[in-house]
Amino acid sequence: MSSSLLFKIKDNVDIDKHRLLEIFFKDWVDDTCNNQVNYKVERDVRKNWEPGMVRYKETFRVDFETQEDALAMRLKGVPREFQSYLEIVK
């Protein structure tokens, strides 16, 4: 069983909201897991970018210190406040 989860910002989220979403998301995960997590924000720059498109995809990789926290987060899913913005991808 993995002790990591990947959360993706949905494509319909305005690029200006990404940093704010990242801050609130990290705060929520820290509170839920007693600050026992590590983050890695992965940015995949799109090669075929055109004006009006989101320039990159962002994924939050959350590494949990315990598998129990990872399992609990997977079972809980994305909180209601973030369901319009985030999804669990792995």
N, C-alpha and C. Protein backbone atom coordinates (compact mmCIF):
# COMPACT_ATOMS: atom_id res chain seq x y z
N MET A 1 0.84 -1.17 0.00
CA MET A 1 0.00 0.00 0.00
C MET A 1 0.89 1.24 0.00
N SER A 2 0.51 2.23 -0.76
CA SER A 2 1.30 3.45 -0.89
C SER A 2 1.02 4.41 0.26
N SER A 3 2.05 5.18 0.60
CA SER A 3 1.85 6.22 1.61
C SER A 3 1.93 7.59 0.95
N SER A 4 1.58 7.65 -0.34
CA SER A 4 1.55 8.91 -1.09
C SER A 4 0.23 9.01 -1.85
N LEU A 5 -0.22 10.24 -2.04
CA LEU A 5 -1.38 10.52 -2.87
C LEU A 5 -1.04 11.67 -3.81
N LEU A 6 -1.62 11.64 -4.98
CA LEU A 6 -1.47 12.73 -5.94
C LEU A 6 -2.81 13.41 -6.12
N PHE A 7 -2.82 14.72 -5.96
CA PHE A 7 -4.00 15.54 -6.17
C PHE A 7 -3.70 16.44 -7.35
N LYS A 8 -4.66 16.57 -8.27
CA LYS A 8 -4.49 17.39 -9.46
C LYS A 8 -5.45 18.56 -9.42
N ILE A 9 -4.94 19.73 -9.81
CA ILE A 9 -5.83 20.87 -9.99
C ILE A 9 -6.58 20.66 -11.29
N LYS A 10 -7.88 20.81 -11.25
CA LYS A 10 -8.70 20.59 -12.44
C LYS A 10 -8.39 21.65 -13.50
N ASP A 11 -8.57 21.27 -14.75
CA ASP A 11 -8.23 22.14 -15.87
C ASP A 11 -9.07 23.40 -15.94
N ASN A 12 -10.25 23.40 -15.37
CA ASN A 12 -11.13 24.57 -15.45
C ASN A 12 -10.81 25.64 -14.41
N VAL A 13 -9.80 25.43 -13.57
CA VAL A 13 -9.44 26.39 -12.52
C VAL A 13 -8.53 27.46 -13.12
N ASP A 14 -8.89 28.72 -12.90
CA ASP A 14 -8.11 29.84 -13.40
C ASP A 14 -6.70 29.81 -12.81
N ILE A 15 -5.72 30.08 -13.63
CA ILE A 15 -4.31 30.02 -13.22
C ILE A 15 -4.01 30.94 -12.04
N ASP A 16 -4.73 32.05 -11.92
CA ASP A 16 -4.51 32.99 -10.82
C ASP A 16 -4.88 32.40 -9.46
N LYS A 17 -5.67 31.34 -9.46
CA LYS A 17 -6.11 30.73 -8.20
C LYS A 17 -5.20 29.59 -7.73
N HIS A 18 -4.25 29.17 -8.56
CA HIS A 18 -3.45 28.00 -8.23
C HIS A 18 -2.66 28.17 -6.93
N ARG A 19 -1.98 29.28 -6.75
CA ARG A 19 -1.16 29.48 -5.55
C ARG A 19 -2.03 29.55 -4.29
N LEU A 20 -3.13 30.26 -4.36
CA LEU A 20 -4.04 30.35 -3.22
C LEU A 20 -4.61 28.98 -2.87
N LEU A 21 -4.97 28.22 -3.88
CA LEU A 21 -5.48 26.87 -3.67
C LEU A 21 -4.42 25.99 -3.01
N GLU A 22 -3.18 26.13 -3.45
CA GLU A 22 -2.08 25.36 -2.87
C GLU A 22 -1.93 25.66 -1.37
N ILE A 23 -2.01 26.91 -0.99
CA ILE A 23 -1.87 27.31 0.42
C ILE A 23 -2.99 26.72 1.26
N PHE A 24 -4.24 26.89 0.83
CA PHE A 24 -5.37 26.35 1.59
C PHE A 24 -5.34 24.83 1.64
N PHE A 25 -4.95 24.19 0.54
CA PHE A 25 -4.87 22.74 0.49
C PHE A 25 -3.84 22.22 1.49
N LYS A 26 -2.66 22.81 1.49
CA LYS A 26 -1.60 22.38 2.42
C LYS A 26 -2.04 22.55 3.87
N ASP A 27 -2.71 23.66 4.15
CA ASP A 27 -3.18 23.90 5.51
C ASP A 27 -4.20 22.84 5.92
N TRP A 28 -5.11 22.48 5.02
CA TRP A 28 -6.11 21.46 5.32
C TRP A 28 -5.46 20.11 5.57
N VAL A 29 -4.50 19.70 4.73
CA VAL A 29 -3.85 18.41 4.91
C VAL A 29 -3.03 18.40 6.20
N ASP A 30 -2.31 19.48 6.47
CA ASP A 30 -1.52 19.56 7.71
C ASP A 30 -2.41 19.40 8.94
N ASP A 31 -3.55 20.10 8.96
CA ASP A 31 -4.47 20.00 10.09
C ASP A 31 -5.03 18.60 10.23
N THR A 32 -5.35 17.98 9.12
CA THR A 32 -5.93 16.64 9.13
C THR A 32 -4.94 15.59 9.61
N CYS A 33 -3.67 15.75 9.25
CA CYS A 33 -2.66 14.72 9.54
C CYS A 33 -1.61 15.16 10.56
N ASN A 34 -1.96 16.11 11.40
CA ASN A 34 -1.07 16.56 12.48
C ASN A 34 0.34 16.93 12.00
N ASN A 35 0.41 17.63 10.87
CA ASN A 35 1.68 18.12 10.32
C ASN A 35 2.69 17.02 10.04
N GLN A 36 2.23 15.82 9.72
CA GLN A 36 3.13 14.70 9.46
C GLN A 36 3.11 14.34 7.98
N VAL A 37 3.26 15.35 7.12
CA VAL A 37 3.26 15.13 5.68
C VAL A 37 4.35 15.96 5.03
N ASN A 38 4.75 15.54 3.84
CA ASN A 38 5.67 16.30 3.01
C ASN A 38 5.00 16.52 1.67
N TYR A 39 5.26 17.67 1.06
CA TYR A 39 4.64 18.02 -0.21
C TYR A 39 5.68 18.16 -1.30
N LYS A 40 5.22 17.90 -2.49
CA LYS A 40 6.01 18.23 -3.66
C LYS A 40 5.01 18.69 -4.71
N VAL A 41 5.15 19.92 -5.16
CA VAL A 41 4.29 20.43 -6.21
C VAL A 41 4.98 20.15 -7.53
N GLU A 42 4.34 19.37 -8.38
CA GLU A 42 4.91 19.01 -9.67
C GLU A 42 4.21 19.81 -10.74
N ARG A 43 4.98 20.49 -11.55
CA ARG A 43 4.43 21.29 -12.65
C ARG A 43 4.89 20.70 -13.97
N ASP A 44 3.94 20.40 -14.81
CA ASP A 44 4.22 19.83 -16.12
C ASP A 44 3.89 20.91 -17.15
N VAL A 45 4.93 21.53 -17.71
CA VAL A 45 4.73 22.59 -18.69
C VAL A 45 4.26 21.97 -20.00
N ARG A 46 3.22 22.51 -20.56
CA ARG A 46 2.66 21.98 -21.81
C ARG A 46 3.44 22.52 -23.00
N LYS A 47 3.83 21.64 -23.88
CA LYS A 47 4.63 22.02 -25.03
C LYS A 47 3.81 22.67 -26.13
N ASN A 48 2.58 22.27 -26.28
CA ASN A 48 1.73 22.81 -27.35
C ASN A 48 0.80 23.89 -26.80
N TRP A 49 1.37 24.82 -26.04
CA TRP A 49 0.58 25.87 -25.42
C TRP A 49 0.13 26.90 -26.44
N GLU A 50 -1.11 27.32 -26.32
CA GLU A 50 -1.66 28.38 -27.15
C GLU A 50 -2.30 29.41 -26.23
N PRO A 51 -2.36 30.68 -26.64
CA PRO A 51 -3.00 31.70 -25.81
C PRO A 51 -4.41 31.27 -25.38
N GLY A 52 -4.71 31.49 -24.11
CA GLY A 52 -6.00 31.12 -23.57
C GLY A 52 -6.00 29.77 -22.87
N MET A 53 -4.97 28.97 -23.11
CA MET A 53 -4.87 27.66 -22.45
C MET A 53 -4.13 27.80 -21.13
N VAL A 54 -4.39 26.90 -20.20
CA VAL A 54 -3.60 26.84 -18.98
C VAL A 54 -2.20 26.40 -19.38
N ARG A 55 -1.19 27.12 -18.92
CA ARG A 55 0.17 26.87 -19.38
C ARG A 55 0.74 25.55 -18.85
N TYR A 56 0.34 25.13 -17.67
CA TYR A 56 0.90 23.89 -17.13
C TYR A 56 -0.13 23.18 -16.28
N LYS A 57 0.11 21.89 -16.10
CA LYS A 57 -0.71 21.11 -15.18
C LYS A 57 0.04 21.07 -13.85
N GLU A 58 -0.68 21.18 -12.77
CA GLU A 58 -0.08 21.12 -11.45
C GLU A 58 -0.62 19.92 -10.69
N THR A 59 0.28 19.20 -10.07
CA THR A 59 -0.09 18.07 -9.24
C THR A 59 0.56 18.24 -7.88
N PHE A 60 -0.21 18.02 -6.82
CA PHE A 60 0.33 18.03 -5.47
C PHE A 60 0.60 16.59 -5.08
N ARG A 61 1.85 16.27 -4.82
CA ARG A 61 2.20 14.96 -4.30
C ARG A 61 2.31 15.11 -2.79
N VAL A 62 1.54 14.33 -2.07
CA VAL A 62 1.56 14.37 -0.61
C VAL A 62 2.10 13.04 -0.12
N ASP A 63 3.23 13.09 0.57
CA ASP A 63 3.85 11.89 1.15
C ASP A 63 3.54 11.88 2.64
N PHE A 64 2.83 10.86 3.06
CA PHE A 64 2.41 10.74 4.45
C PHE A 64 3.43 9.93 5.24
N GLU A 65 3.64 10.28 6.49
CA GLU A 65 4.58 9.54 7.33
C GLU A 65 4.02 8.18 7.71
N THR A 66 2.70 8.07 7.74
CA THR A 66 2.09 6.77 8.05
C THR A 66 1.11 6.38 6.96
N GLN A 67 1.05 5.10 6.66
CA GLN A 67 0.11 4.61 5.65
C GLN A 67 -1.33 4.81 6.08
N GLU A 68 -1.57 4.81 7.38
CA GLU A 68 -2.92 5.00 7.88
C GLU A 68 -3.47 6.37 7.48
N ASP A 69 -2.62 7.40 7.55
CA ASP A 69 -3.06 8.74 7.14
C ASP A 69 -3.38 8.77 5.65
N ALA A 70 -2.55 8.13 4.84
CA ALA A 70 -2.78 8.08 3.40
C ALA A 70 -4.10 7.38 3.10
N LEU A 71 -4.34 6.27 3.76
CA LEU A 71 -5.58 5.52 3.54
C LEU A 71 -6.79 6.34 3.99
N ALA A 72 -6.68 6.99 5.14
CA ALA A 72 -7.78 7.81 5.63
C ALA A 72 -8.10 8.95 4.66
N MET A 73 -7.06 9.59 4.13
CA MET A 73 -7.27 10.69 3.18
C MET A 73 -7.90 10.18 1.89
N ARG A 74 -7.48 9.01 1.42
CA ARG A 74 -8.06 8.45 0.20
C ARG A 74 -9.54 8.12 0.41
N LEU A 75 -9.86 7.55 1.57
CA LEU A 75 -11.25 7.19 1.86
C LEU A 75 -12.13 8.43 2.04
N LYS A 76 -11.60 9.47 2.68
CA LYS A 76 -12.35 10.71 2.86
C LYS A 76 -12.59 11.40 1.52
N GLY A 77 -11.58 11.33 0.64
CA GLY A 77 -11.68 12.01 -0.64
C GLY A 77 -11.41 13.50 -0.49
N VAL A 78 -11.59 14.19 -1.57
CA VAL A 78 -11.38 15.63 -1.58
C VAL A 78 -12.52 16.29 -0.82
N PRO A 79 -12.20 17.18 0.12
CA PRO A 79 -13.27 17.83 0.89
C PRO A 79 -14.19 18.66 -0.01
N ARG A 80 -15.39 18.82 0.43
CA ARG A 80 -16.41 19.53 -0.33
C ARG A 80 -15.93 20.90 -0.81
N GLU A 81 -15.16 21.60 0.03
CA GLU A 81 -14.69 22.94 -0.32
C GLU A 81 -13.76 22.93 -1.53
N PHE A 82 -13.10 21.80 -1.78
CA PHE A 82 -12.11 21.72 -2.85
C PHE A 82 -12.57 20.89 -4.05
N GLN A 83 -13.76 20.31 -4.01
CA GLN A 83 -14.18 19.40 -5.07
C GLN A 83 -14.31 20.06 -6.43
N SER A 84 -14.54 21.36 -6.47
CA SER A 84 -14.61 22.06 -7.75
C SER A 84 -13.22 22.34 -8.31
N TYR A 85 -12.20 22.19 -7.48
CA TYR A 85 -10.85 22.58 -7.87
C TYR A 85 -9.85 21.44 -7.97
N LEU A 86 -10.04 20.40 -7.16
CA LEU A 86 -9.06 19.32 -7.06
C LEU A 86 -9.69 17.95 -7.26
N GLU A 87 -8.85 17.00 -7.66
CA GLU A 87 -9.27 15.62 -7.71
C GLU A 87 -8.08 14.73 -7.36
N ILE A 88 -8.36 13.57 -6.78
CA ILE A 88 -7.31 12.60 -6.49
C ILE A 88 -7.03 11.83 -7.78
N VAL A 89 -5.77 11.80 -8.20
CA VAL A 89 -5.44 11.10 -9.43
C VAL A 89 -4.70 9.80 -9.19
N LYS A 90 -4.16 9.60 -8.01
CA LYS A 90 -3.46 8.36 -7.72
C LYS A 90 -3.25 8.20 -6.24
